[in-house]
Amino acid sequence: MAATAPAPPNSSSLKRVVAASLIGTTIEWYDFFLYGAAAALVFNQLFFPGSDPLVGTLLAFVTYAVGFAARPVGALVFGHYGDKLGRKKLLVLSLLLMGGSTFAIGLLPTHATIGTAAPLLLTVLRLVQGFALGGEWGGAVLLVSEHGDAERRGFWASWPQTGAPAGQLIATGVLALLTGLLSDAAFVSWGWRVPFLLSGVLVGIGLWVRLAVDESPVFQQALKRAETRKATEKPAAESMPLIAVLRHHWRDVLIAMGSRMAENISYYVITAFILVYATSEVELSKQTALNAVLIASAVHFATIPVWGALSDRFGRRPVYLLGAAGVGLWAFPFFALIDTGSFGSLLLAVTVGLVFHGAMYAPQAAFFAEMFATRMRYSGASIGAQFSSVLAGAPAPLIATALLNDYGSSTPIALYVIAAALITLLAVWIAKETRHRDLAELDPEDDAPAEPAGAAAASGATARTV
């Protein structure tokens, strides 16, 4: 059964939605990445004292990984209610949870003050961060994807993706500024708290912008159809979005999870673990490592919309495959360049790695949104994206640090990244191209009214392309 597409949004409306999604995701990623940088730089001293420095870093990264463990729970909860109540309401809640927990970390007493309660409280707040971020990503990219049209969806949906490097850029920039202005003793004593407390201001700005946008027109249309059916027909038992996703889109969920392996692992090796490797193994200063990530993140931010536009022209799969192959081939040169101890080589290593990462990350938003039907899209995209983060992004800095500790070499870490790239290449290779799909089309088993068996069979091939 064909669906009547909602009226296309005007340019100013779409840009307002893009801006709201970008600002919100930037703030949430700022909060999330700030923790990762602090875990690499100071949390080992403040919350896990008395350990060997590398062991202390490992313990700090354990709490870092805990945030990823909470992301699938956030994906389930936010996806469920986002598919029932709308994208906008849940995005406001995720921003409040993330900002509040980050601000609280800035006020947290250290181990020297309250003992073992300090790392326990740190872990709880990290869980809240992960829970919030698990619901943020799906809602932000869907709000943009469902406002736009198929012709330029890859480009517009890639803008919320730039929130990751923008958040990384701001978090790293603030840390680089503080480490440059303050002595090591002052930064460890109080300076590290400043970026966390700054989150309170950023959240206020994000809420002001996010509350001003309209709900997704595609979702509103689907909700009206569902309400009409309930009023005119005998309602059938409605499955939870999670059950519906696993029933109708289990293959797409697995493809999304596989697609994220190289994207997630490479990103956290390049931006989080690199702070450990460059400072402890190559003996570069914290300032040098932070500056390299800072500049590379700016390039990353600028190239993501370009990759998104290219995915509109050539397809989601070709661009994604190029990125996965790129990070795999770059793994050994990446560490070889860093081992030279030159800032220029370090900058080149991180920048090229992030450019290849962007080729995966940019089309990912539209690619995942185009896999799922409207009333299960928030759940499907979030589950596929966030469940993989537990296997990929969560342990990546931890595994990389452990490999470095055990082998004293970057070779096992490079092989780890290459293995992830091979998994992603396989997942994207077997996926179907999605760039021309209409998000307003319906899945007959989810959103459409019941049809006679013959009609359903005749229209099934078209309707199932959502």
Protein backbone atom coordinates (compact mmCIF):
# COMPACT_ATOMS: atom_id res chain seq x y z
CA MET A 1 0.00 0.00 0.00
CA ALA A 2 1.53 3.33 -1.03
CA ALA A 3 1.73 6.14 1.48
CA THR A 4 1.02 9.77 0.80
CA ALA A 5 4.29 11.58 1.46
CA PRO A 6 4.19 14.54 3.80
CA ALA A 7 4.70 17.96 2.29
CA PRO A 8 8.40 18.72 1.90
CA PRO A 9 9.69 21.17 4.51
CA ASN A 10 10.75 24.64 3.46
CA SER A 11 14.45 25.46 3.50
CA SER A 12 14.37 27.58 6.66
CA SER A 13 12.45 24.91 8.60
CA LEU A 14 14.89 22.18 7.58
CA LYS A 15 17.91 24.30 8.46
CA ARG A 16 16.38 25.08 11.87
CA VAL A 17 15.93 21.35 12.54
CA VAL A 18 19.49 20.64 11.39
CA ALA A 19 20.83 23.39 13.66
CA ALA A 20 18.88 22.09 16.66
CA SER A 21 20.07 18.52 16.11
CA LEU A 22 23.66 19.63 15.55
CA ILE A 23 23.80 21.82 18.66
CA GLY A 24 22.22 19.13 20.81
CA THR A 25 24.49 16.33 19.59
CA THR A 26 27.55 18.58 19.91
CA ILE A 27 26.76 19.22 23.57
CA GLU A 28 26.06 15.57 24.32
CA TRP A 29 29.25 14.40 22.58
CA TYR A 30 31.21 17.16 24.32
CA ASP A 31 30.08 15.71 27.63
CA PHE A 32 30.84 12.13 26.59
CA PHE A 33 34.27 12.80 25.06
CA LEU A 34 35.31 15.07 27.90
CA TYR A 35 35.10 12.07 30.19
CA GLY A 36 37.27 10.00 27.82
CA ALA A 37 39.97 12.67 27.66
CA ALA A 38 39.91 13.16 31.43
CA ALA A 39 40.14 9.38 31.92
CA ALA A 40 43.30 9.34 29.82
CA LEU A 41 44.87 12.41 31.47
CA VAL A 42 43.90 12.76 35.17
CA PHE A 43 41.29 10.29 36.41
CA ASN A 44 43.95 7.64 37.04
CA GLN A 45 45.55 10.00 39.61
CA LEU A 46 42.37 11.41 41.14
CA PHE A 47 40.15 8.35 41.44
CA PHE A 48 42.56 5.37 41.22
CA PRO A 49 45.70 6.46 43.12
CA GLY A 50 48.38 4.05 44.28
CA SER A 51 48.42 2.06 41.04
CA ASP A 52 51.07 1.81 38.37
CA PRO A 53 50.31 4.71 35.97
CA LEU A 54 49.29 2.42 33.09
CA VAL A 55 47.23 0.21 35.42
CA GLY A 56 45.54 3.32 36.78
CA THR A 57 44.73 4.35 33.22
CA LEU A 58 43.26 0.89 32.60
CA LEU A 59 41.01 1.30 35.65
CA ALA A 60 39.95 4.77 34.46
CA PHE A 61 39.06 3.33 31.07
CA VAL A 62 36.95 0.65 32.79
CA THR A 63 34.66 3.41 34.08
CA TYR A 64 34.85 4.92 30.58
CA ALA A 65 33.58 1.63 29.12
CA VAL A 66 30.74 1.49 31.66
CA GLY A 67 29.13 4.40 29.84
CA PHE A 68 28.92 2.29 26.71
CA ALA A 69 27.30 -0.55 28.62
CA ALA A 70 24.42 1.79 29.49
CA ARG A 71 23.95 2.95 25.91
CA PRO A 72 21.93 -0.11 24.74
CA VAL A 73 19.58 0.38 27.71
CA GLY A 74 19.14 4.00 26.66
CA ALA A 75 18.55 2.87 23.09
CA LEU A 76 15.78 0.50 24.21
CA VAL A 77 14.02 2.99 26.50
CA PHE A 78 14.36 6.08 24.31
CA GLY A 79 13.66 4.10 21.14
CA HIS A 80 10.48 2.61 22.61
CA TYR A 81 9.04 5.94 23.77
CA GLY A 82 10.45 7.86 20.82
CA ASP A 83 8.50 5.60 18.46
CA LYS A 84 5.36 6.09 20.55
CA LEU A 85 5.54 9.71 21.75
CA GLY A 86 7.77 11.38 19.17
CA ARG A 87 11.40 12.27 18.58
CA LYS A 88 11.46 15.78 20.08
CA LYS A 89 10.31 15.02 23.65
CA LEU A 90 12.88 12.30 24.13
CA LEU A 91 15.68 14.45 22.74
CA VAL A 92 14.97 17.12 25.35
CA LEU A 93 15.11 14.51 28.11
CA SER A 94 18.39 13.03 26.86
CA LEU A 95 20.01 16.48 26.83
CA LEU A 96 18.94 17.16 30.43
CA LEU A 97 20.24 13.79 31.66
CA MET A 98 23.59 14.11 29.91
CA GLY A 99 24.19 17.71 30.97
CA GLY A 100 23.16 17.10 34.56
CA SER A 101 25.45 14.09 35.01
CA THR A 102 28.41 15.88 33.43
CA PHE A 103 27.95 18.93 35.64
CA ALA A 104 27.81 16.63 38.68
CA ILE A 105 31.15 15.04 37.72
CA GLY A 106 32.68 18.51 37.91
CA LEU A 107 31.55 18.73 41.55
CA LEU A 108 32.58 15.19 42.51
CA PRO A 109 35.00 14.73 45.44
CA THR A 110 38.10 12.68 44.61
CA HIS A 111 39.52 9.54 46.20
CA ALA A 112 41.68 11.65 48.51
CA THR A 113 38.53 13.19 50.01
CA ILE A 114 35.95 10.39 50.27
CA GLY A 115 37.89 7.23 49.44
CA THR A 116 36.33 4.41 47.43
CA ALA A 117 33.02 6.25 47.24
CA ALA A 118 34.62 8.58 44.67
CA PRO A 119 35.14 6.00 41.88
CA LEU A 120 31.74 4.47 42.68
CA LEU A 121 29.96 7.81 42.25
CA LEU A 122 32.00 8.47 39.12
CA THR A 123 30.81 5.15 37.71
CA VAL A 124 27.15 5.93 38.47
CA LEU A 125 27.36 9.30 36.71
CA ARG A 126 29.09 7.65 33.76
CA LEU A 127 26.17 5.21 33.55
CA VAL A 128 23.74 8.14 33.33
CA GLN A 129 25.86 9.67 30.55
CA GLY A 130 25.78 6.45 28.57
CA PHE A 131 22.04 5.98 29.08
CA ALA A 132 21.35 9.49 27.78
CA LEU A 133 23.65 9.17 24.77
CA GLY A 134 22.08 5.84 23.87
CA GLY A 135 18.82 7.68 23.22
CA GLU A 136 20.27 10.88 21.76
CA TRP A 137 21.86 9.66 18.55
CA GLY A 138 18.84 7.91 17.04
CA GLY A 139 16.44 10.76 17.76
CA ALA A 140 18.75 13.48 16.46
CA VAL A 141 19.52 11.85 13.12
CA LEU A 142 15.90 10.76 12.60
CA LEU A 143 14.55 14.23 13.25
CA VAL A 144 16.68 15.52 10.37
CA SER A 145 16.22 12.48 8.11
CA GLU A 146 12.43 12.59 8.47
CA HIS A 147 12.25 16.33 7.76
CA GLY A 148 14.27 16.12 4.54
CA ASP A 149 13.77 14.36 1.23
CA ALA A 150 15.59 11.44 -0.38
CA GLU A 151 17.61 13.53 -2.83
CA ARG A 152 19.83 15.23 -0.23
CA ARG A 153 19.13 13.15 2.86
CA GLY A 154 22.70 11.93 3.13
CA PHE A 155 24.00 15.50 3.21
CA TRP A 156 21.48 16.92 5.69
CA ALA A 157 21.53 13.87 7.97
CA SER A 158 25.33 14.02 8.11
CA TRP A 159 25.19 17.36 9.96
CA PRO A 160 24.09 15.85 13.30
CA GLN A 161 27.03 13.47 12.79
CA THR A 162 29.38 16.46 12.85
CA GLY A 163 28.28 16.87 16.47
CA ALA A 164 30.80 14.13 17.36
CA PRO A 165 33.91 15.93 16.04
CA ALA A 166 32.47 19.28 17.14
CA GLY A 167 32.04 17.93 20.66
CA GLN A 168 35.51 16.40 20.48
CA LEU A 169 36.85 19.72 19.20
CA ILE A 170 35.32 21.75 22.03
CA ALA A 171 36.24 19.22 24.75
CA THR A 172 39.81 18.85 23.51
CA GLY A 173 40.11 22.60 22.93
CA VAL A 174 39.02 23.46 26.46
CA LEU A 175 41.39 20.85 27.91
CA ALA A 176 44.26 22.03 25.69
CA LEU A 177 43.66 25.64 26.78
CA LEU A 178 43.63 24.71 30.45
CA THR A 179 46.72 22.50 30.26
CA GLY A 180 48.49 25.31 28.41
CA LEU A 181 47.54 28.00 30.93
CA LEU A 182 47.81 26.01 34.15
CA SER A 183 50.62 24.11 35.75
CA ASP A 184 50.25 20.34 36.01
CA ALA A 185 49.57 20.69 39.73
CA ALA A 186 46.84 23.28 39.23
CA PHE A 187 45.18 21.30 36.44
CA VAL A 188 45.10 18.13 38.55
CA SER A 189 43.93 20.07 41.62
CA TRP A 190 41.01 22.04 40.14
CA GLY A 191 41.48 22.87 36.47
CA TRP A 192 40.03 19.58 35.22
CA ARG A 193 36.67 20.50 36.78
CA VAL A 194 36.15 23.61 34.64
CA PRO A 195 35.14 21.84 31.39
CA PHE A 196 32.65 19.64 33.25
CA LEU A 197 31.00 22.62 34.96
CA LEU A 198 30.87 24.45 31.62
CA SER A 199 28.39 21.79 30.49
CA GLY A 200 25.65 23.49 32.53
CA VAL A 201 25.85 26.59 30.33
CA LEU A 202 25.95 24.58 27.12
CA VAL A 203 22.86 22.56 28.08
CA GLY A 204 20.87 25.76 28.62
CA ILE A 205 21.74 26.88 25.08
CA GLY A 206 20.90 23.45 23.65
CA LEU A 207 17.49 23.32 25.31
CA TRP A 208 16.59 26.80 24.06
CA VAL A 209 17.30 25.75 20.47
CA ARG A 210 15.88 22.23 20.65
CA LEU A 211 12.53 23.27 22.15
CA ALA A 212 11.91 25.60 19.18
CA VAL A 213 11.76 22.88 16.48
CA ASP A 214 8.74 20.93 15.27
CA GLU A 215 8.16 17.21 15.57
CA SER A 216 9.07 15.02 12.59
CA PRO A 217 6.32 15.27 9.91
CA VAL A 218 6.84 11.64 8.88
CA PHE A 219 6.29 10.50 12.47
CA GLN A 220 3.22 12.73 12.88
CA GLN A 221 1.72 11.27 9.71
CA ALA A 222 2.34 7.71 10.87
CA LEU A 223 0.87 8.49 14.30
CA LYS A 224 -2.30 9.91 12.74
CA ARG A 225 -2.74 6.80 10.60
CA ALA A 226 -2.36 4.61 13.67
CA GLU A 227 -4.95 6.66 15.57
CA THR A 228 -7.36 6.50 12.61
CA ARG A 229 -7.07 2.72 12.48
CA LYS A 230 -7.79 2.43 16.18
CA ALA A 231 -10.92 4.57 15.76
CA THR A 232 -12.29 2.81 12.67
CA GLU A 233 -11.13 -0.79 13.02
CA LYS A 234 -10.95 -3.41 15.68
CA PRO A 235 -7.45 -2.77 17.03
CA ALA A 236 -5.00 -5.63 16.81
CA ALA A 237 -2.51 -6.28 19.58
CA GLU A 238 0.32 -3.82 19.06
CA SER A 239 3.84 -5.14 19.45
CA MET A 240 6.44 -3.22 21.39
CA PRO A 241 8.79 -1.44 18.98
CA LEU A 242 11.65 -3.69 20.10
CA ILE A 243 9.65 -6.84 19.28
CA ALA A 244 8.56 -5.38 15.95
CA VAL A 245 12.15 -4.48 15.07
CA LEU A 246 13.43 -7.96 15.85
CA ARG A 247 10.52 -9.53 13.95
CA HIS A 248 10.68 -7.47 10.76
CA HIS A 249 14.18 -5.98 10.71
CA TRP A 250 16.52 -8.41 12.49
CA ARG A 251 18.77 -8.62 9.44
CA ASP A 252 19.04 -4.83 9.30
CA VAL A 253 19.93 -4.68 13.00
CA LEU A 254 22.79 -7.15 12.45
CA ILE A 255 24.02 -5.20 9.42
CA ALA A 256 23.96 -1.95 11.39
CA MET A 257 25.91 -3.57 14.23
CA GLY A 258 28.53 -4.95 11.87
CA SER A 259 28.76 -1.63 10.06
CA ARG A 260 29.69 0.13 13.28
CA MET A 261 32.59 -2.12 14.28
CA ALA A 262 35.33 -0.38 12.29
CA GLU A 263 33.74 3.04 12.66
CA ASN A 264 33.47 2.79 16.46
CA ILE A 265 36.75 1.03 17.24
CA SER A 266 38.87 3.20 14.95
CA TYR A 267 37.41 6.41 16.35
CA TYR A 268 38.17 5.65 19.98
CA VAL A 269 41.64 4.34 19.18
CA ILE A 270 42.39 7.51 17.19
CA THR A 271 40.94 10.04 19.65
CA ALA A 272 41.02 8.47 23.14
CA PHE A 273 43.75 5.81 23.20
CA ILE A 274 46.08 8.06 21.25
CA LEU A 275 46.34 10.34 24.30
CA VAL A 276 47.71 7.38 26.26
CA TYR A 277 50.01 6.07 23.51
CA ALA A 278 51.50 9.43 22.55
CA THR A 279 52.20 10.48 26.14
CA SER A 280 53.30 7.19 27.75
CA GLU A 281 54.93 5.30 24.87
CA VAL A 282 56.33 8.06 22.63
CA GLU A 283 56.76 10.48 25.57
CA LEU A 284 55.12 13.46 23.90
CA SER A 285 53.53 16.08 26.12
CA LYS A 286 49.82 16.14 26.91
CA GLN A 287 49.61 19.49 25.15
CA THR A 288 51.14 18.10 21.95
CA ALA A 289 48.76 15.13 21.84
CA LEU A 290 45.72 17.30 22.57
CA ASN A 291 46.71 19.82 19.89
CA ALA A 292 46.97 17.08 17.27
CA VAL A 293 43.51 15.72 18.12
CA LEU A 294 42.17 19.28 18.19
CA ILE A 295 43.33 20.16 14.67
CA ALA A 296 42.38 16.77 13.24
CA SER A 297 38.88 17.07 14.73
CA ALA A 298 38.41 20.37 12.89
CA VAL A 299 39.27 18.64 9.60
CA HIS A 300 36.98 15.76 10.54
CA PHE A 301 34.12 18.20 11.14
CA ALA A 302 34.62 19.84 7.73
CA THR A 303 34.79 16.60 5.74
CA ILE A 304 31.73 14.81 7.16
CA PRO A 305 29.14 16.84 5.15
CA VAL A 306 31.26 16.28 2.04
CA TRP A 307 31.11 12.52 2.53
CA GLY A 308 27.38 12.83 3.22
CA ALA A 309 26.86 14.64 -0.10
CA LEU A 310 28.93 12.02 -1.92
CA SER A 311 26.69 9.30 -0.45
CA ASP A 312 23.71 11.07 -2.07
CA ARG A 313 25.45 10.91 -5.43
CA PHE A 314 27.16 7.52 -5.37
CA GLY A 315 25.21 5.64 -2.67
CA ARG A 316 25.65 4.90 1.03
CA ARG A 317 27.49 1.61 0.50
CA PRO A 318 30.37 2.76 -1.76
CA VAL A 319 31.28 5.65 0.54
CA TYR A 320 31.01 3.49 3.65
CA LEU A 321 33.14 0.73 2.10
CA LEU A 322 35.82 3.26 1.19
CA GLY A 323 36.00 4.45 4.79
CA ALA A 324 36.21 0.93 6.24
CA ALA A 325 38.96 -0.09 3.81
CA GLY A 326 40.78 3.15 4.54
CA VAL A 327 40.98 2.75 8.32
CA GLY A 328 42.13 -0.86 7.90
CA LEU A 329 44.92 0.06 5.49
CA TRP A 330 45.94 3.06 7.61
CA ALA A 331 46.36 1.11 10.88
CA PHE A 332 50.09 0.34 10.55
CA PRO A 333 51.11 3.69 9.00
CA PHE A 334 49.12 5.39 11.77
CA PHE A 335 51.35 4.05 14.55
CA ALA A 336 54.53 4.25 12.48
CA LEU A 337 54.00 7.99 12.03
CA ILE A 338 53.31 8.54 15.74
CA ASP A 339 56.45 6.58 16.69
CA THR A 340 58.63 9.19 14.95
CA GLY A 341 57.88 11.59 17.80
CA SER A 342 57.23 14.42 15.36
CA PHE A 343 54.20 16.65 15.85
CA GLY A 344 53.70 16.88 12.08
CA SER A 345 53.68 13.09 11.74
CA LEU A 346 51.33 12.73 14.71
CA LEU A 347 48.97 15.29 13.18
CA LEU A 348 49.05 13.54 9.79
CA ALA A 349 48.34 10.16 11.40
CA VAL A 350 45.30 11.38 13.34
CA THR A 351 43.93 13.56 10.52
CA VAL A 352 44.01 10.89 7.82
CA GLY A 353 42.53 8.36 10.24
CA LEU A 354 39.62 10.67 11.05
CA VAL A 355 39.02 11.52 7.37
CA PHE A 356 38.60 7.81 6.63
CA HIS A 357 36.39 7.49 9.70
CA GLY A 358 34.21 10.30 8.37
CA ALA A 359 33.54 8.32 5.19
CA MET A 360 31.78 5.75 7.40
CA TYR A 361 30.24 8.10 9.92
CA ALA A 362 28.73 10.59 7.44
CA PRO A 363 26.41 8.24 5.50
CA GLN A 364 25.63 6.20 8.61
CA ALA A 365 22.77 8.44 9.75
CA ALA A 366 20.79 8.24 6.50
CA PHE A 367 21.85 4.61 5.91
CA PHE A 368 20.45 3.40 9.24
CA ALA A 369 17.31 5.56 9.07
CA GLU A 370 16.49 4.16 5.63
CA MET A 371 16.61 0.58 6.91
CA PHE A 372 13.56 0.78 9.23
CA ALA A 373 9.82 1.52 9.06
CA THR A 374 8.56 4.74 10.63
CA ARG A 375 6.93 3.42 13.83
CA MET A 376 10.00 1.32 14.68
CA ARG A 377 12.71 3.54 13.18
CA TYR A 378 13.88 5.15 16.44
CA SER A 379 14.13 1.73 18.08
CA GLY A 380 15.74 0.03 15.10
CA ALA A 381 18.37 2.66 14.37
CA SER A 382 19.20 3.09 18.07
CA ILE A 383 19.42 -0.64 18.79
CA GLY A 384 21.62 -1.30 15.76
CA ALA A 385 23.90 1.61 16.61
CA GLN A 386 24.15 1.30 20.38
CA PHE A 387 24.25 -2.46 20.91
CA SER A 388 27.33 -2.58 18.71
CA SER A 389 28.98 0.12 20.84
CA VAL A 390 29.20 -2.36 23.73
CA LEU A 391 31.34 -4.67 21.59
CA ALA A 392 33.19 -1.97 19.67
CA GLY A 393 33.64 1.48 21.20
CA ALA A 394 33.29 0.50 24.86
CA PRO A 395 36.29 -1.81 25.13
CA ALA A 396 38.41 -0.22 22.36
CA PRO A 397 40.61 2.06 24.53
CA LEU A 398 40.67 -0.63 27.23
CA ILE A 399 41.74 -3.38 24.80
CA ALA A 400 44.29 -1.12 23.12
CA THR A 401 45.79 -0.11 26.48
CA ALA A 402 45.90 -3.75 27.65
CA LEU A 403 47.59 -4.85 24.41
CA LEU A 404 50.17 -2.11 24.81
CA ASN A 405 50.73 -3.14 28.44
CA ASP A 406 51.13 -6.84 27.57
CA TYR A 407 53.15 -6.62 24.36
CA GLY A 408 54.82 -3.21 24.54
CA SER A 409 54.10 -2.78 20.83
CA SER A 410 51.52 -1.15 18.56
CA THR A 411 51.38 -4.16 16.21
CA PRO A 412 48.58 -6.04 18.06
CA ILE A 413 46.58 -2.79 18.23
CA ALA A 414 46.90 -2.27 14.47
CA LEU A 415 45.77 -5.87 13.87
CA TYR A 416 42.78 -5.23 16.15
CA VAL A 417 41.71 -2.25 14.01
CA ILE A 418 42.20 -4.27 10.80
CA ALA A 419 40.00 -7.09 12.13
CA ALA A 420 37.24 -4.58 12.87
CA ALA A 421 37.58 -3.16 9.35
CA LEU A 422 37.11 -6.62 7.83
CA ILE A 423 33.89 -7.16 9.82
CA THR A 424 32.50 -3.82 8.64
CA LEU A 425 33.47 -4.47 5.02
CA LEU A 426 31.54 -7.75 5.12
CA ALA A 427 28.46 -6.21 6.77
CA VAL A 428 28.21 -3.28 4.35
CA TRP A 429 28.97 -5.47 1.34
CA ILE A 430 25.94 -7.70 2.00
CA ALA A 431 23.65 -4.73 2.79
CA LYS A 432 21.23 -3.34 0.23
CA GLU A 433 21.63 0.18 -1.11
CA THR A 434 19.08 2.50 0.52
CA ARG A 435 19.66 6.03 -0.81
CA HIS A 436 16.46 6.26 -2.90
CA ARG A 437 14.08 4.94 -0.24
CA ASP A 438 11.08 7.04 0.77
CA LEU A 439 10.82 7.27 4.56
CA ALA A 440 7.06 7.89 4.29
CA GLU A 441 6.48 4.44 2.78
CA LEU A 442 4.89 1.92 5.09
CA ASP A 443 5.68 -1.56 6.22
CA PRO A 444 2.36 -3.41 5.73
CA GLU A 445 2.89 -5.54 8.84
CA ASP A 446 3.50 -2.51 11.04
CA ASP A 447 1.81 0.72 9.97
CA ALA A 448 -0.54 -0.02 7.11
CA PRO A 449 -4.18 -1.07 7.42
CA ALA A 450 -4.92 -4.71 6.82
CA GLU A 451 -5.30 -5.68 3.16
CA PRO A 452 -6.76 -8.68 1.37
CA ALA A 453 -4.16 -11.38 0.92
CA GLY A 454 -3.89 -10.83 -2.81
CA ALA A 455 -3.43 -7.10 -2.52
CA ALA A 456 -0.81 -7.53 0.17
CA ALA A 457 1.15 -9.93 -1.97
CA ALA A 458 1.01 -7.58 -4.93
CA SER A 459 2.21 -4.56 -3.01
CA GLY A 460 4.62 -6.22 -0.59
CA ALA A 461 7.74 -5.76 -2.68
CA THR A 462 7.34 -2.00 -2.77
CA ALA A 463 6.09 -1.43 0.77
CA ARG A 464 8.84 -3.47 2.38
CA THR A 465 11.55 -1.18 1.12
CA VAL A 466 11.27 0.95 4.27
